Amino acid sequence: MNYNIILENITNPSLLFFVLGILAVQFKSDLDIPKQSSKFISIYLLLCIGFKGGQELSHSGFDIEVFKSILLGLGLAIVLPITSFFILKKKLGIENSGAIAAAYGSVSAVTFVTACSFLNFEGSAFSGYMIAIMAIMEAPAIIVGISLINFFNKSKTTNLKKIIHHSFTNGSVFLIIGSLIIGFMASSQQALDIKPFTTDIFKGFLAVFLLDMGIKSGKHIGSMLKNGMQPFAFSSLMPFVHGLIALTISFFITDNTGNQLLFAILGSSASYIAVPAVMKESVPKADAGLYLPMALGITFPINVIIGIPFYYSIIQFIN
């Protein structure tokens, strides 16, 4: 493992602001990011990453690598929820296991954005189509999770059309898909005109956003630990299992270092935005105090602080 990469990531100001947010909660500081400011920054980050991904996509064509990459993304979104569900079902029950499975088969846009920022810092390029793959992985995992709940509960009450609609019209997914399309349509000169907005101030806003995420993560960790060690162990270890599976398969699809890292992150991350929004309405019996802290309080910081440099070190060693 390349320890210089780990050291660089640990001393990255954005990640240190994330740790500062966690410490603020532990020391009972009144530090807080206003809700509307946090929402604006989230919109800004998703808009930028979608737009830049669209630009990259417009400069590349649709070839066999893109096709295989899409299949891998969809495969992960279907298989990972199924394996997660059966690992958890006996201990946590059908509803909770299905909700957690949906979260861990789906993706975290913020983790993805952080990984993209890491790649920019390292000078490693990635393909624009990876943004599209991230967007299309959200809905299948949610559908699989709810389908498993319905099957084992012998229920047929869930409106599949409504679930699909909610998955794709979720604010984060809708924005990143829309930004991707806009970026694809924009000319290079038009993209250059707004570069100060989409690129130059990006890292500053990311630092503030990760500070806010650190505060939110710190608040959720305690409530999850009340459910025993299995949720903690699952949310700590399974992301690495999923990430390494995705990374291994990606070596057979692409030789792009950035794409390989992003596949590892797509496999290892868990959704704490789209999935809770759908589960709250479709599976109210699932405990949000369980699957939300697992994804946000444990898996997110592990991926950001340890996972990203860990997978990148493996890729550098193999390549």
Protein backbone atom coordinates (compact mmCIF):
# COMPACT_ATOMS: atom_id res chain seq x y z
CA MET A 1 0.00 0.00 0.00
CA ASN A 2 1.22 3.50 -0.84
CA TYR A 3 1.26 5.25 2.54
CA ASN A 4 2.03 8.61 0.91
CA ILE A 5 -1.40 8.51 -0.72
CA ILE A 6 -3.05 7.74 2.62
CA LEU A 7 -1.11 10.58 4.28
CA GLU A 8 -2.12 13.00 1.51
CA ASN A 9 -5.77 12.03 1.91
CA ILE A 10 -5.70 12.29 5.70
CA THR A 11 -4.14 15.78 5.48
CA ASN A 12 -6.52 16.90 2.72
CA PRO A 13 -8.25 20.05 4.09
CA SER A 14 -11.70 18.87 2.92
CA LEU A 15 -11.41 15.63 4.87
CA LEU A 16 -10.01 17.41 7.90
CA PHE A 17 -13.09 19.64 7.89
CA PHE A 18 -15.18 16.45 7.87
CA VAL A 19 -13.32 15.21 10.96
CA LEU A 20 -13.76 18.65 12.54
CA GLY A 21 -17.53 18.26 12.11
CA ILE A 22 -17.49 14.91 13.92
CA LEU A 23 -15.36 16.38 16.73
CA ALA A 24 -17.75 19.31 17.06
CA VAL A 25 -20.53 16.87 17.96
CA GLN A 26 -18.35 14.85 20.33
CA PHE A 27 -17.27 18.01 22.18
CA LYS A 28 -20.89 19.26 22.21
CA SER A 29 -20.08 22.42 20.26
CA ASP A 30 -22.96 24.51 18.91
CA LEU A 31 -21.25 24.62 15.50
CA ASP A 32 -23.87 24.14 12.80
CA ILE A 33 -24.39 24.76 9.09
CA PRO A 34 -27.78 26.40 8.34
CA LYS A 35 -30.12 23.94 6.63
CA GLN A 36 -30.70 26.13 3.58
CA SER A 37 -26.96 26.75 3.14
CA SER A 38 -26.31 23.02 3.33
CA LYS A 39 -29.00 22.36 0.73
CA PHE A 40 -27.58 25.01 -1.60
CA ILE A 41 -24.05 23.58 -1.36
CA SER A 42 -25.38 20.07 -2.04
CA ILE A 43 -27.17 21.37 -5.16
CA TYR A 44 -24.01 23.18 -6.26
CA LEU A 45 -21.76 20.11 -5.91
CA LEU A 46 -24.15 17.81 -7.78
CA LEU A 47 -24.63 20.42 -10.51
CA CYS A 48 -20.88 20.81 -11.02
CA ILE A 49 -20.03 17.12 -11.08
CA GLY A 50 -22.93 16.40 -13.45
CA PHE A 51 -22.00 19.26 -15.79
CA LYS A 52 -18.31 18.31 -15.92
CA GLY A 53 -19.26 14.67 -16.47
CA GLY A 54 -21.47 15.70 -19.39
CA GLN A 55 -18.57 17.62 -20.89
CA GLU A 56 -16.34 14.56 -20.61
CA LEU A 57 -19.07 12.38 -22.09
CA SER A 58 -19.45 14.68 -25.09
CA HIS A 59 -15.77 14.17 -25.91
CA SER A 60 -15.99 10.38 -25.82
CA GLY A 61 -18.01 7.90 -27.82
CA PHE A 62 -20.24 4.97 -26.91
CA ASP A 63 -18.12 1.84 -27.26
CA ILE A 64 -17.90 -1.68 -25.83
CA GLU A 65 -16.20 -0.39 -22.66
CA VAL A 66 -19.11 1.95 -21.95
CA PHE A 67 -21.60 -0.87 -22.57
CA LYS A 68 -19.75 -3.25 -20.23
CA SER A 69 -19.44 -0.51 -17.60
CA ILE A 70 -23.19 0.08 -17.64
CA LEU A 71 -23.79 -3.66 -17.25
CA LEU A 72 -21.41 -3.76 -14.29
CA GLY A 73 -23.17 -0.83 -12.63
CA LEU A 74 -26.59 -2.43 -13.07
CA GLY A 75 -25.25 -5.82 -11.94
CA LEU A 76 -23.88 -4.32 -8.73
CA ALA A 77 -27.19 -2.52 -8.08
CA ILE A 78 -29.07 -5.83 -8.35
CA VAL A 79 -26.70 -8.39 -6.78
CA LEU A 80 -25.39 -6.39 -3.79
CA PRO A 81 -28.87 -5.74 -2.29
CA ILE A 82 -29.73 -9.44 -2.57
CA THR A 83 -26.59 -10.65 -0.78
CA SER A 84 -26.91 -7.92 1.86
CA PHE A 85 -30.55 -8.84 2.53
CA PHE A 86 -29.83 -12.51 3.23
CA ILE A 87 -26.86 -11.67 5.45
CA LEU A 88 -29.05 -9.43 7.64
CA LYS A 89 -32.53 -10.98 7.43
CA LYS A 90 -32.32 -13.43 10.33
CA LYS A 91 -30.99 -10.91 12.82
CA LEU A 92 -32.66 -7.63 11.80
CA GLY A 93 -35.96 -8.74 10.26
CA ILE A 94 -37.40 -8.43 6.77
CA GLU A 95 -38.25 -4.70 6.63
CA ASN A 96 -34.98 -3.48 8.16
CA SER A 97 -32.90 -5.87 6.07
CA GLY A 98 -34.65 -4.80 2.88
CA ALA A 99 -34.12 -1.10 3.61
CA ILE A 100 -30.45 -1.63 4.48
CA ALA A 101 -30.01 -3.80 1.37
CA ALA A 102 -31.47 -1.04 -0.80
CA ALA A 103 -29.13 1.53 0.79
CA TYR A 104 -26.02 -0.63 0.31
CA GLY A 105 -26.92 -1.64 -3.24
CA SER A 106 -27.50 2.00 -4.11
CA VAL A 107 -24.86 4.74 -4.18
CA SER A 108 -23.80 7.89 -2.34
CA ALA A 109 -23.48 10.87 -4.65
CA VAL A 110 -21.44 12.78 -2.05
CA THR A 111 -18.92 9.92 -1.69
CA PHE A 112 -18.72 9.82 -5.48
CA VAL A 113 -18.10 13.59 -5.63
CA THR A 114 -15.39 13.27 -2.96
CA ALA A 115 -13.71 10.50 -4.96
CA CYS A 116 -13.82 12.69 -8.08
CA SER A 117 -12.18 15.49 -6.12
CA PHE A 118 -9.52 13.06 -4.91
CA LEU A 119 -8.81 12.00 -8.50
CA ASN A 120 -8.49 15.63 -9.57
CA PHE A 121 -6.04 16.17 -6.72
CA GLU A 122 -4.01 13.15 -7.88
CA GLY A 123 -4.16 14.23 -11.52
CA SER A 124 -6.03 11.06 -12.57
CA ALA A 125 -8.70 11.45 -15.25
CA PHE A 126 -11.98 9.53 -15.33
CA SER A 127 -14.63 9.08 -18.02
CA GLY A 128 -17.76 11.21 -18.07
CA TYR A 129 -19.99 8.18 -18.50
CA MET A 130 -19.19 7.17 -14.90
CA ILE A 131 -21.54 9.97 -13.78
CA ALA A 132 -24.36 8.38 -15.79
CA ILE A 133 -23.62 4.96 -14.29
CA MET A 134 -23.84 6.43 -10.80
CA ALA A 135 -27.23 7.94 -11.61
CA ILE A 136 -28.73 4.76 -13.06
CA MET A 137 -27.62 2.62 -10.09
CA GLU A 138 -29.99 4.36 -7.67
CA ALA A 139 -33.38 3.01 -8.79
CA PRO A 140 -32.59 -0.72 -9.37
CA ALA A 141 -31.25 -1.20 -5.83
CA ILE A 142 -34.34 0.44 -4.32
CA ILE A 143 -36.64 -1.74 -6.44
CA VAL A 144 -34.75 -4.91 -5.45
CA GLY A 145 -34.84 -4.01 -1.75
CA ILE A 146 -38.58 -3.34 -1.71
CA SER A 147 -39.26 -6.41 -3.89
CA LEU A 148 -37.44 -8.62 -1.38
CA ILE A 149 -39.50 -7.15 1.46
CA ASN A 150 -42.74 -7.75 -0.44
CA PHE A 151 -41.78 -11.29 -1.45
CA PHE A 152 -40.90 -12.45 2.05
CA ASN A 153 -43.91 -10.65 3.55
CA LYS A 154 -46.14 -12.07 0.80
CA SER A 155 -47.23 -8.51 0.05
CA LYS A 156 -48.23 -7.04 -3.31
CA THR A 157 -49.31 -3.60 -2.12
CA THR A 158 -46.31 -1.61 -3.32
CA ASN A 159 -46.82 0.44 -6.48
CA LEU A 160 -43.75 -0.40 -8.62
CA LYS A 161 -44.42 2.48 -11.02
CA LYS A 162 -44.48 4.91 -8.10
CA ILE A 163 -41.19 3.55 -6.73
CA ILE A 164 -39.44 3.95 -10.11
CA HIS A 165 -40.83 7.45 -10.53
CA HIS A 166 -39.75 8.46 -7.02
CA SER A 167 -36.26 7.01 -7.58
CA PHE A 168 -35.59 8.96 -10.75
CA THR A 169 -37.31 12.20 -9.69
CA ASN A 170 -35.48 12.30 -6.36
CA GLY A 171 -33.82 15.72 -6.27
CA SER A 172 -30.21 14.46 -6.24
CA VAL A 173 -30.71 11.96 -9.08
CA PHE A 174 -32.79 14.36 -11.18
CA LEU A 175 -30.25 17.18 -10.79
CA ILE A 176 -27.21 15.10 -11.66
CA ILE A 177 -28.89 13.56 -14.71
CA GLY A 178 -30.10 16.98 -15.86
CA SER A 179 -26.69 18.56 -15.31
CA LEU A 180 -25.08 15.70 -17.20
CA ILE A 181 -27.34 16.36 -20.19
CA ILE A 182 -26.68 20.12 -20.06
CA GLY A 183 -22.93 19.54 -19.86
CA PHE A 184 -23.17 17.16 -22.82
CA MET A 185 -24.98 19.78 -24.90
CA ALA A 186 -22.70 22.72 -23.99
CA SER A 187 -19.79 23.61 -26.26
CA SER A 188 -16.22 23.76 -24.94
CA GLN A 189 -16.31 27.59 -25.06
CA GLN A 190 -19.59 27.72 -23.15
CA ALA A 191 -18.15 25.39 -20.52
CA LEU A 192 -15.05 27.59 -20.28
CA ASP A 193 -17.23 30.66 -19.67
CA ILE A 194 -18.59 29.20 -16.41
CA LYS A 195 -15.37 27.43 -15.37
CA PRO A 196 -14.81 29.81 -12.41
CA PHE A 197 -18.17 28.61 -11.03
CA THR A 198 -18.00 24.90 -11.87
CA THR A 199 -14.31 24.30 -11.16
CA ASP A 200 -12.37 27.08 -9.42
CA ILE A 201 -14.48 27.32 -6.24
CA PHE A 202 -15.52 23.65 -6.17
CA LYS A 203 -13.02 22.51 -3.52
CA GLY A 204 -13.95 25.34 -1.17
CA PHE A 205 -17.63 24.42 -1.24
CA LEU A 206 -16.72 20.73 -0.87
CA ALA A 207 -14.82 21.55 2.33
CA VAL A 208 -17.84 23.35 3.84
CA PHE A 209 -20.17 20.55 2.76
CA LEU A 210 -17.96 17.86 4.32
CA LEU A 211 -17.87 19.89 7.54
CA ASP A 212 -21.67 19.73 7.51
CA MET A 213 -21.61 15.99 6.74
CA GLY A 214 -19.20 15.46 9.62
CA ILE A 215 -21.67 17.15 11.98
CA LYS A 216 -24.54 15.02 10.67
CA SER A 217 -22.47 11.81 10.87
CA GLY A 218 -21.43 12.56 14.44
CA LYS A 219 -25.07 12.98 15.47
CA HIS A 220 -26.15 9.62 13.97
CA ILE A 221 -23.41 7.29 15.21
CA GLY A 222 -24.78 6.93 18.73
CA SER A 223 -28.31 5.92 17.71
CA MET A 224 -27.03 3.11 15.47
CA LEU A 225 -24.84 1.60 18.19
CA LYS A 226 -27.96 0.99 20.28
CA ASN A 227 -28.90 -1.84 17.87
CA GLY A 228 -25.90 -4.02 18.76
CA MET A 229 -22.72 -4.98 16.98
CA GLN A 230 -24.07 -6.56 13.78
CA PRO A 231 -25.17 -3.28 12.13
CA PHE A 232 -21.84 -1.72 13.11
CA ALA A 233 -19.85 -4.69 11.78
CA PHE A 234 -21.87 -4.80 8.54
CA SER A 235 -21.57 -1.06 7.86
CA SER A 236 -17.83 -1.18 8.61
CA LEU A 237 -16.78 -4.34 6.76
CA MET A 238 -19.26 -5.01 3.93
CA PRO A 239 -18.39 -1.80 2.03
CA PHE A 240 -14.85 -3.15 1.62
CA VAL A 241 -16.18 -6.51 0.41
CA HIS A 242 -18.48 -4.79 -2.09
CA GLY A 243 -15.79 -2.31 -3.12
CA LEU A 244 -13.18 -4.98 -3.74
CA ILE A 245 -15.66 -7.05 -5.78
CA ALA A 246 -16.49 -4.03 -7.95
CA LEU A 247 -12.82 -3.09 -8.27
CA THR A 248 -11.78 -6.62 -9.28
CA ILE A 249 -14.41 -6.81 -12.03
CA SER A 250 -13.54 -3.31 -13.25
CA PHE A 251 -9.97 -4.44 -14.07
CA PHE A 252 -11.48 -6.65 -16.81
CA ILE A 253 -13.53 -3.77 -18.25
CA THR A 254 -11.34 -0.66 -18.20
CA ASP A 255 -7.68 0.25 -17.76
CA ASN A 256 -8.57 3.81 -16.71
CA THR A 257 -7.33 4.33 -13.14
CA GLY A 258 -10.01 6.90 -12.35
CA ASN A 259 -12.83 4.68 -13.61
CA GLN A 260 -11.53 1.75 -11.56
CA LEU A 261 -11.52 3.82 -8.38
CA LEU A 262 -15.01 5.14 -9.05
CA PHE A 263 -16.32 1.60 -9.58
CA ALA A 264 -14.86 0.63 -6.21
CA ILE A 265 -16.61 3.62 -4.63
CA LEU A 266 -19.90 2.86 -6.40
CA GLY A 267 -19.72 -0.68 -5.03
CA SER A 268 -18.74 0.30 -1.51
CA SER A 269 -20.89 3.38 -0.87
CA ALA A 270 -24.40 3.45 0.57
CA SER A 271 -27.27 5.84 -0.12
CA TYR A 272 -28.49 8.06 2.71
CA ILE A 273 -30.52 10.52 0.61
CA ALA A 274 -32.65 8.77 -2.04
CA VAL A 275 -33.20 5.47 -0.20
CA PRO A 276 -34.48 7.00 3.08
CA ALA A 277 -36.83 9.24 1.08
CA VAL A 278 -38.37 6.22 -0.68
CA MET A 279 -38.36 3.89 2.34
CA LYS A 280 -40.12 6.44 4.55
CA GLU A 281 -43.09 6.31 2.20
CA SER A 282 -42.98 2.72 0.89
CA VAL A 283 -41.74 0.77 3.94
CA PRO A 284 -42.68 2.80 7.05
CA LYS A 285 -41.99 -0.21 9.31
CA ALA A 286 -38.27 -0.08 8.45
CA ASP A 287 -36.31 1.68 11.19
CA ALA A 288 -34.75 4.87 9.80
CA GLY A 289 -32.77 5.07 13.03
CA LEU A 290 -30.94 1.95 11.84
CA TYR A 291 -30.26 2.16 8.09
CA LEU A 292 -29.63 5.93 7.99
CA PRO A 293 -26.91 5.98 10.71
CA MET A 294 -25.31 2.87 9.18
CA ALA A 295 -24.95 4.56 5.79
CA LEU A 296 -24.20 8.09 6.95
CA GLY A 297 -22.58 7.62 10.36
CA ILE A 298 -20.31 4.64 9.63
CA THR A 299 -19.97 3.75 5.93
CA PHE A 300 -19.66 7.31 4.63
CA PRO A 301 -16.72 8.38 6.85
CA ILE A 302 -14.97 5.02 6.41
CA ASN A 303 -15.17 5.35 2.62
CA VAL A 304 -14.05 8.97 2.60
CA ILE A 305 -11.18 8.66 5.08
CA ILE A 306 -9.95 5.09 4.47
CA GLY A 307 -11.70 3.58 1.44
CA ILE A 308 -10.73 6.06 -1.28
CA PRO A 309 -6.95 5.99 -0.62
CA PHE A 310 -7.10 2.22 0.08
CA TYR A 311 -8.61 1.35 -3.31
CA TYR A 312 -6.38 3.87 -5.09
CA SER A 313 -3.28 2.28 -3.54
CA ILE A 314 -4.39 -1.15 -4.78
CA ILE A 315 -4.98 0.22 -8.27
CA GLN A 316 -1.57 1.92 -8.31
CA PHE A 317 0.13 -1.28 -7.13
CA ILE A 318 -1.58 -3.48 -9.75
CA ASN A 319 -1.24 -1.04 -12.63
